[in-house]
Amino acid sequence: MLSIIFRKCNPGGNFILSLFGILLLYPFNTSAQTATEMIEFADQKMRGNSSQAELVIKTIRPSWYREMSVRTWMKGNDLAMIQILSPVKEKGIVFLKRKKEVWNWLPALERSIKLPPSMMSQSWMGTDFTNDDLVKESSIVNDYGHSFLKDTMVSGSLCYKILCIPKPGTAVVWGKLIVCIEKENMVERYTEFYDEESELINLMYASELKMMDGRLIPTRIQMIPMDKKGHKTEIMYRSVAFDKVIRDDFFSIEQMKRLQ
């Protein structure tokens, strides 16, 4: 995902950032790239060194519909903040990721709660995304090994198809992922999420590519559960700014309480 919002710092991060700056000027040479490098590049393109975004999240059910507006701040793979702006009932709720810790601020209770690892696979705010999906507690770059499968077509675009298997000893939500990265624009367009028994649980589609702060990125992300007919969650980007300066101390429990 989004592969939207929500990863641990990788040792090659500075190299990747420098490489990305060069590749803005020159075409991406995919002929000699490994599957891991493809994943790294697509991931970096969506995140940058830091990002600040405003999003609309739509939860769609057969008999009802709910829309939330949220604001996000992310820096590297270790730091993330999500603030809910609407509806009124949830306004002011904040999620904080700081390395391996995930915290939740509930203004109605004036209380901060640390989320245990067991909650990372649970639904985030009643949507079809998990807590892990939204705060990126695990990292598709660092926590998985990657290998190429046969190229495939997604919505008329030729894509690299990459199998992602968890590395031994890593604590991740998914048993495996299959990620499709568009060859022309090097963005993630489609992902399959499997459990530890290799059962397909969710499908994620990324579409509506638009220029956002100088980058061509998908601005509509859909997560569709396989076992719930008529259920779907959509994330729509209203705006995003990449590589703005955000101090590390912004990502604190005290700052969660101060956000308005």
Protein backbone atom coordinates (compact mmCIF):
# COMPACT_ATOMS: atom_id res chain seq x y z
CA MET A 1 0.00 0.00 0.00
CA LEU A 2 -0.48 2.06 0.01
CA SER A 3 0.39 0.88 0.01
CA ILE A 4 -1.13 5.11 1.68
CA ILE A 5 0.23 5.77 5.07
CA PHE A 6 1.75 3.60 6.97
CA ARG A 7 8.39 1.02 8.01
CA LYS A 8 11.82 0.49 9.58
CA CYS A 9 14.85 2.49 8.27
CA ASN A 10 16.93 0.52 5.81
CA PRO A 11 20.72 0.79 5.82
CA GLY A 12 20.76 1.70 2.14
CA GLY A 13 18.26 4.52 2.53
CA ASN A 14 20.71 7.36 1.87
CA PHE A 15 21.94 5.65 -1.28
CA ILE A 16 18.37 5.13 -2.48
CA LEU A 17 17.48 8.76 -1.85
CA SER A 18 20.51 9.91 -3.83
CA LEU A 19 19.71 7.45 -6.58
CA PHE A 20 16.14 8.72 -6.73
CA GLY A 21 17.36 12.27 -7.33
CA ILE A 22 19.43 11.08 -10.28
CA LEU A 23 16.59 9.00 -11.69
CA LEU A 24 14.31 12.01 -11.83
CA LEU A 25 16.59 13.21 -14.63
CA TYR A 26 17.35 9.89 -16.32
CA PRO A 27 15.09 6.94 -17.18
CA PHE A 28 15.00 4.07 -14.67
CA ASN A 29 17.17 1.27 -16.07
CA THR A 30 15.13 -1.79 -15.14
CA SER A 31 17.10 -4.33 -17.15
CA ALA A 32 19.67 -4.99 -14.42
CA GLN A 33 17.57 -4.28 -11.32
CA THR A 34 16.75 -6.93 -8.72
CA ALA A 35 13.25 -7.49 -7.40
CA THR A 36 14.27 -5.90 -4.09
CA GLU A 37 15.53 -2.78 -5.88
CA MET A 38 12.21 -2.51 -7.71
CA ILE A 39 10.31 -2.69 -4.42
CA GLU A 40 12.64 -0.12 -2.84
CA PHE A 41 12.24 2.32 -5.71
CA ALA A 42 8.42 2.10 -5.84
CA ASP A 43 8.23 2.42 -2.04
CA GLN A 44 10.54 5.44 -1.99
CA LYS A 45 8.59 7.12 -4.79
CA MET A 46 5.42 7.05 -2.66
CA ARG A 47 7.09 8.13 0.59
CA GLY A 48 10.07 10.33 -0.11
CA ASN A 49 12.42 11.20 2.75
CA SER A 50 9.36 12.65 4.47
CA SER A 51 5.77 13.36 3.50
CA GLN A 52 2.77 15.35 4.71
CA ALA A 53 -0.63 14.51 3.24
CA GLU A 54 -4.35 15.09 3.54
CA LEU A 55 -6.53 12.12 2.68
CA VAL A 56 -10.14 11.03 2.49
CA ILE A 57 -10.87 7.47 3.62
CA LYS A 58 -14.16 5.95 2.51
CA THR A 59 -15.45 2.77 4.18
CA ILE A 60 -18.08 1.15 1.95
CA ARG A 61 -20.48 -1.54 3.15
CA PRO A 62 -23.60 -3.10 1.56
CA SER A 63 -25.93 -1.13 3.86
CA TRP A 64 -23.90 1.92 4.91
CA TYR A 65 -21.06 4.26 4.00
CA ARG A 66 -18.67 6.34 6.10
CA GLU A 67 -16.13 9.00 5.14
CA MET A 68 -13.18 10.23 7.21
CA SER A 69 -10.73 13.05 6.56
CA VAL A 70 -7.24 12.52 7.93
CA ARG A 71 -3.89 14.28 7.99
CA THR A 72 -0.61 12.35 7.99
CA TRP A 73 3.05 13.06 8.65
CA MET A 74 5.77 10.50 7.87
CA LYS A 75 9.54 10.57 8.11
CA GLY A 76 11.72 7.71 6.95
CA ASN A 77 10.50 4.27 7.97
CA ASP A 78 10.47 4.83 11.73
CA LEU A 79 8.21 7.83 12.32
CA ALA A 80 4.56 8.42 11.40
CA MET A 81 1.56 10.37 12.74
CA ILE A 82 -2.08 10.13 11.63
CA GLN A 83 -4.70 12.62 12.85
CA ILE A 84 -8.42 12.22 12.19
CA LEU A 85 -10.08 15.51 11.20
CA SER A 86 -13.65 14.28 10.64
CA PRO A 87 -16.33 13.08 11.32
CA VAL A 88 -16.98 14.86 14.59
CA LYS A 89 -17.28 11.64 16.59
CA GLU A 90 -13.69 10.63 15.79
CA LYS A 91 -12.18 14.11 15.39
CA GLY A 92 -8.88 14.50 17.23
CA ILE A 93 -7.99 10.82 17.48
CA VAL A 94 -4.29 10.41 16.68
CA PHE A 95 -2.07 7.44 15.91
CA LEU A 96 1.70 7.64 16.43
CA LYS A 97 4.34 5.25 15.17
CA ARG A 98 7.82 5.59 16.66
CA LYS A 99 10.15 2.79 15.59
CA LYS A 100 8.46 -0.41 16.88
CA GLU A 101 5.99 1.41 19.15
CA VAL A 102 2.48 2.40 18.09
CA TRP A 103 0.39 4.74 20.27
CA ASN A 104 -3.20 5.97 20.07
CA TRP A 105 -4.47 9.27 21.58
CA LEU A 106 -8.18 9.33 22.49
CA PRO A 107 -9.22 12.94 23.23
CA ALA A 108 -12.63 11.97 24.62
CA LEU A 109 -10.86 9.98 27.35
CA GLU A 110 -7.80 12.27 27.46
CA ARG A 111 -5.76 9.12 27.37
CA SER A 112 -2.92 7.65 25.29
CA ILE A 113 -2.80 3.90 24.73
CA LYS A 114 0.10 1.79 23.49
CA LEU A 115 -1.06 -0.77 20.93
CA PRO A 116 0.30 -4.28 21.55
CA PRO A 117 1.74 -6.25 18.60
CA SER A 118 -1.36 -8.48 18.66
CA MET A 119 -3.49 -5.52 17.53
CA MET A 120 -1.48 -4.78 14.37
CA SER A 121 -3.50 -7.28 12.33
CA GLN A 122 -6.83 -5.83 13.48
CA SER A 123 -8.98 -3.39 11.51
CA TRP A 124 -7.95 0.27 11.60
CA MET A 125 -10.93 2.43 12.59
CA GLY A 126 -13.42 -0.06 11.15
CA THR A 127 -11.89 0.03 7.64
CA ASP A 128 -10.52 -2.85 5.55
CA PHE A 129 -6.96 -1.72 6.30
CA THR A 130 -5.17 -3.17 9.30
CA ASN A 131 -3.38 -1.09 11.93
CA ASP A 132 -0.15 -2.38 10.35
CA ASP A 133 -1.19 -1.20 6.86
CA LEU A 134 -1.85 2.33 8.04
CA VAL A 135 1.14 2.92 10.29
CA LYS A 136 3.54 0.67 8.38
CA GLU A 137 4.80 -1.11 11.47
CA SER A 138 6.32 -3.77 9.23
CA SER A 139 8.36 -3.01 6.12
CA ILE A 140 7.83 -4.56 2.72
CA VAL A 141 11.41 -3.50 1.92
CA ASN A 142 13.24 -4.88 4.96
CA ASP A 143 11.02 -7.62 6.38
CA TYR A 144 10.50 -9.59 3.15
CA GLY A 145 12.62 -11.32 0.55
CA HIS A 146 11.68 -10.56 -3.07
CA SER A 147 11.70 -12.52 -6.32
CA PHE A 148 10.30 -11.98 -9.81
CA LEU A 149 7.29 -13.85 -11.14
CA LYS A 150 5.99 -13.65 -14.70
CA ASP A 151 5.07 -10.13 -15.89
CA THR A 152 1.36 -9.34 -15.84
CA MET A 153 -1.15 -6.74 -17.03
CA VAL A 154 -3.01 -4.51 -14.53
CA SER A 155 -5.68 -2.15 -15.88
CA GLY A 156 -4.04 -2.19 -19.31
CA SER A 157 -0.52 -1.51 -17.99
CA LEU A 158 2.36 -4.01 -18.17
CA CYS A 159 3.70 -4.69 -14.67
CA TYR A 160 6.52 -6.50 -12.95
CA LYS A 161 5.04 -9.16 -10.66
CA ILE A 162 7.05 -9.68 -7.47
CA LEU A 163 6.64 -12.32 -4.77
CA CYS A 164 7.38 -11.10 -1.22
CA ILE A 165 8.06 -13.76 1.43
CA PRO A 166 8.72 -12.84 5.11
CA LYS A 167 12.31 -13.23 6.20
CA PRO A 168 12.91 -15.80 8.97
CA GLY A 169 12.29 -14.40 12.44
CA THR A 170 10.42 -11.28 11.34
CA ALA A 171 7.11 -10.43 13.00
CA VAL A 172 4.77 -9.50 10.15
CA VAL A 173 1.01 -9.64 9.59
CA TRP A 174 1.03 -11.31 6.17
CA GLY A 175 2.26 -14.76 5.15
CA LYS A 176 3.18 -13.47 1.70
CA LEU A 177 2.48 -10.63 -0.70
CA ILE A 178 2.35 -10.46 -4.47
CA VAL A 179 3.09 -6.93 -5.67
CA CYS A 180 2.63 -5.61 -9.21
CA ILE A 181 4.71 -2.56 -10.18
CA GLU A 182 3.90 -0.70 -13.39
CA LYS A 183 6.88 -0.76 -15.75
CA GLU A 184 6.26 2.62 -17.35
CA ASN A 185 5.96 4.74 -14.20
CA MET A 186 7.46 2.43 -11.55
CA VAL A 187 4.52 2.68 -9.15
CA GLU A 188 2.75 -0.06 -7.25
CA ARG A 189 -0.58 -0.80 -8.95
CA TYR A 190 -1.87 -4.03 -7.41
CA THR A 191 -1.10 -6.18 -4.35
CA GLU A 192 -2.40 -9.51 -3.08
CA PHE A 193 -2.29 -10.17 0.68
CA TYR A 194 -2.09 -13.78 1.89
CA ASP A 195 -2.22 -15.27 5.39
CA GLU A 196 0.22 -17.86 6.75
CA GLU A 197 -1.83 -20.66 5.15
CA SER A 198 -1.45 -18.98 1.72
CA GLU A 199 -5.14 -18.05 1.62
CA LEU A 200 -5.86 -14.84 -0.29
CA ILE A 201 -7.28 -12.33 2.21
CA ASN A 202 -7.22 -8.87 0.57
CA LEU A 203 -6.68 -7.25 -2.81
CA MET A 204 -5.36 -3.72 -3.12
CA TYR A 205 -5.66 -1.61 -6.29
CA ALA A 206 -3.87 1.70 -6.89
CA SER A 207 -5.18 3.95 -9.67
CA GLU A 208 -5.79 7.53 -10.84
CA LEU A 209 -2.14 8.50 -11.35
CA LYS A 210 -1.64 12.26 -10.90
CA MET A 211 1.25 14.65 -10.37
CA MET A 212 1.53 15.42 -6.66
CA ASP A 213 4.34 17.77 -5.59
CA GLY A 214 6.35 16.86 -8.67
CA ARG A 215 5.80 13.09 -8.53
CA LEU A 216 3.45 10.91 -10.54
CA ILE A 217 1.73 8.70 -7.96
CA PRO A 218 -1.53 6.76 -7.58
CA THR A 219 -4.06 8.96 -5.78
CA ARG A 220 -6.76 6.36 -5.24
CA ILE A 221 -6.10 3.18 -3.21
CA GLN A 222 -8.77 0.49 -2.82
CA MET A 223 -8.59 -2.37 -0.32
CA ILE A 224 -11.05 -5.20 -0.97
CA PRO A 225 -11.48 -8.17 1.42
CA MET A 226 -12.07 -11.48 -0.32
CA ASP A 227 -14.47 -12.97 2.25
CA LYS A 228 -16.85 -10.01 2.62
CA LYS A 229 -19.03 -9.32 -0.40
CA GLY A 230 -19.72 -5.63 -0.96
CA HIS A 231 -17.01 -4.46 1.46
CA LYS A 232 -14.36 -2.02 0.31
CA THR A 233 -12.23 0.83 1.65
CA GLU A 234 -10.86 3.64 -0.53
CA ILE A 235 -8.13 6.14 0.26
CA MET A 236 -8.06 9.31 -1.86
CA TYR A 237 -5.18 11.80 -1.78
CA ARG A 238 -6.30 15.43 -1.54
CA SER A 239 -2.75 16.77 -1.28
CA VAL A 240 0.76 15.61 -0.48
CA ALA A 241 4.09 17.38 0.06
CA PHE A 242 7.36 15.45 -0.09
CA ASP A 243 10.71 16.02 1.60
CA LYS A 244 9.66 18.91 3.86
CA VAL A 245 11.63 19.30 7.08
CA ILE A 246 9.95 17.57 10.03
CA ARG A 247 11.83 17.41 13.33
CA ASP A 248 12.09 13.97 14.96
CA ASP A 249 10.66 15.34 18.20
CA PHE A 250 7.41 16.18 16.39
CA PHE A 251 6.64 12.46 16.59
CA SER A 252 5.98 12.34 20.32
CA ILE A 253 3.16 11.51 22.70
CA GLU A 254 3.11 15.15 23.82
CA GLN A 255 2.64 16.32 20.21
CA MET A 256 -0.23 13.86 19.74
CA LYS A 257 -2.11 15.69 22.48
CA ARG A 258 -1.35 19.15 21.07
CA LEU A 259 -2.58 18.55 17.51
CA GLN A 260 -5.73 20.52 16.68
